[in-house]
Protein backbone atom coordinates (compact mmCIF):
# COMPACT_ATOMS: atom_id res chain seq x y z
CA MET A 1 -7.59 29.62 -15.57
CA SER A 2 -5.22 27.45 -17.55
CA SER A 3 -5.78 23.74 -18.06
CA VAL A 4 -2.95 23.07 -15.59
CA ASP A 5 -5.04 24.62 -12.80
CA GLN A 6 -8.19 22.59 -13.50
CA LYS A 7 -9.05 19.61 -11.34
CA HIS A 8 -10.00 16.50 -13.30
CA ILE A 9 -12.04 13.75 -11.65
CA HIS A 10 -12.73 10.26 -12.98
CA ILE A 11 -15.39 8.21 -11.09
CA LEU A 12 -14.19 4.61 -10.68
CA THR A 13 -17.39 3.37 -8.98
CA GLN A 14 -20.27 4.66 -6.89
CA ASP A 15 -23.44 3.36 -5.28
CA GLN A 16 -26.09 4.31 -2.75
CA GLY A 17 -28.74 2.94 -0.42
CA ILE A 18 -27.00 0.04 1.36
CA LYS A 19 -28.45 -1.18 4.68
CA LEU A 20 -25.91 -3.05 6.79
CA SER A 21 -26.97 -4.88 9.95
CA GLY A 22 -25.16 -8.03 10.96
CA ASN A 23 -24.39 -9.69 7.65
CA PRO A 24 -21.54 -8.40 5.48
CA ILE A 25 -22.30 -7.12 1.99
CA GLN A 26 -20.18 -7.59 -1.11
CA THR A 27 -20.72 -5.23 -4.05
CA GLU A 28 -20.71 -6.08 -7.72
CA LYS A 29 -17.32 -6.11 -9.41
CA PHE A 30 -16.16 -2.95 -11.12
CA SER A 31 -13.22 -2.26 -13.40
CA VAL A 32 -10.45 0.19 -12.49
CA GLN A 33 -8.29 1.52 -15.32
CA LYS A 34 -7.05 4.80 -13.74
CA THR A 35 -4.46 3.98 -11.06
CA LEU A 36 -1.73 5.78 -9.16
CA ARG A 37 0.57 4.87 -12.05
CA ASP A 38 -1.36 7.59 -13.94
CA GLY A 39 -0.36 10.11 -11.26
CA GLY A 40 -2.91 11.95 -9.16
CA LYS A 41 -4.73 10.48 -6.17
CA ILE A 42 -7.46 7.91 -5.57
CA ARG A 43 -9.96 8.72 -2.84
CA PHE A 44 -12.85 6.85 -1.26
CA LYS A 45 -15.70 8.97 0.08
CA ILE A 46 -18.61 7.55 2.09
CA ARG A 47 -21.71 9.16 3.57
CA TYR A 48 -23.53 7.13 6.21
CA SER A 49 -25.84 7.22 9.21
CA ALA A 50 -26.34 4.71 12.02
CA GLU A 51 -28.85 3.48 14.58
CA LEU A 52 -26.82 1.62 17.22
CA GLN A 53 -27.37 0.27 20.72
CA GLY A 54 -23.64 -0.05 21.45
CA PHE A 55 -20.20 0.54 19.99
CA SER A 56 -19.64 -0.75 16.47
CA LEU A 57 -17.16 -0.28 13.65
CA LEU A 58 -18.14 0.16 10.03
CA GLU A 59 -15.43 -1.60 8.06
CA VAL A 60 -14.84 -1.09 4.35
CA PHE A 61 -12.49 -3.32 2.36
CA LEU A 62 -11.46 -2.85 -1.26
CA MET A 63 -10.73 -6.31 -2.65
CA ARG A 64 -8.99 -7.38 -5.85
CA ALA A 65 -11.43 -9.68 -7.67
CA GLN A 66 -8.74 -11.74 -9.41
CA ASN A 67 -7.35 -13.23 -6.20
CA GLY A 68 -9.52 -11.92 -3.35
CA THR A 69 -6.70 -9.97 -1.72
CA GLN A 70 -7.33 -6.78 0.23
CA THR A 71 -6.02 -3.69 -1.56
CA ALA A 72 -7.19 -0.96 0.84
CA SER A 73 -9.47 -0.51 3.84
CA MET A 74 -11.19 2.07 6.01
CA THR A 75 -12.48 1.64 9.57
CA ILE A 76 -15.07 4.05 10.97
CA PRO A 77 -15.76 3.85 14.73
CA ASN A 78 -19.21 4.73 16.05
CA GLY A 79 -20.15 4.95 19.70
CA GLY A 80 -23.58 3.44 20.47
CA SER A 81 -26.20 5.91 19.42
CA THR A 82 -28.00 7.35 16.45
CA ALA A 83 -25.67 9.16 14.07
CA THR A 84 -27.10 11.48 11.47
CA ALA A 85 -25.49 11.70 8.05
CA GLN A 86 -21.73 11.83 8.38
CA GLU A 87 -19.06 11.82 5.71
CA GLN A 88 -15.58 10.33 5.71
CA GLU A 89 -12.94 10.46 2.99
CA GLN A 90 -9.62 8.65 2.70
CA GLU A 91 -6.96 8.07 0.07
CA PHE A 92 -6.71 4.53 -1.28
CA SER A 93 -3.62 3.10 -2.98
CA ILE A 94 -4.54 1.31 -6.20
CA TRP A 95 -1.52 0.57 -8.37
CA GLU A 96 -2.85 -2.18 -10.64
CA PRO A 97 -5.71 -1.90 -13.14
CA GLY A 98 -8.28 -4.69 -13.03
CA ASP A 99 -11.53 -5.79 -11.41
CA TYR A 100 -12.27 -4.92 -7.78
CA TYR A 101 -15.20 -5.06 -5.36
CA PHE A 102 -16.07 -3.60 -1.97
CA PHE A 103 -16.81 -5.65 1.12
CA PHE A 104 -18.73 -3.82 3.89
CA LYS A 105 -19.16 -5.23 7.39
CA THR A 106 -19.79 -4.20 10.97
CA SER A 107 -17.81 -5.32 14.00
CA SER A 108 -20.94 -6.21 15.99
CA ASN A 109 -24.70 -6.72 15.68
CA ASN A 110 -25.52 -3.62 17.74
CA GLY A 111 -27.77 -2.00 15.17
CA THR A 112 -27.80 -0.77 11.61
CA PHE A 113 -25.56 1.32 9.39
CA PHE A 114 -27.10 3.02 6.37
CA ILE A 115 -24.59 3.72 3.63
CA GLU A 116 -26.34 6.60 1.96
CA ASP A 117 -23.76 6.77 -0.82
CA TYR A 118 -20.12 6.11 -1.59
CA GLN A 119 -17.76 6.99 -4.37
CA LEU A 120 -14.30 5.84 -5.40
CA TYR A 121 -12.63 8.35 -7.69
CA TRP A 122 -9.33 9.32 -9.25
CA SER A 123 -8.31 12.96 -9.44
CA ASN A 124 -5.26 14.68 -10.85
CA SER A 125 -4.62 16.52 -7.56
């Protein structure tokens, strides 16, 4: 396999063990230096479970720390029951290097989401 065929991944940020019920959660700031200007793709992957009594959305916002503007987002619908570990992945468009943070919230107080882990990463393909 030549170096052209190899997939390179650069972790921009990751975390685990977030319990979300009612109140939104803001993560610590993290620095992004690898952007779409470097080519490749930026993806956000999240693994979560839920204990809900009704319909609720898990909403994820990537915010630029410098001015508090939303850079990207992901909305995950969940119909009112217990969901075992599920995984979602989506491409995010990050063009500017700098400091960012995540903002997690639910659309209702119908239960609890457990963010088992998440990862924002850049890859060359």
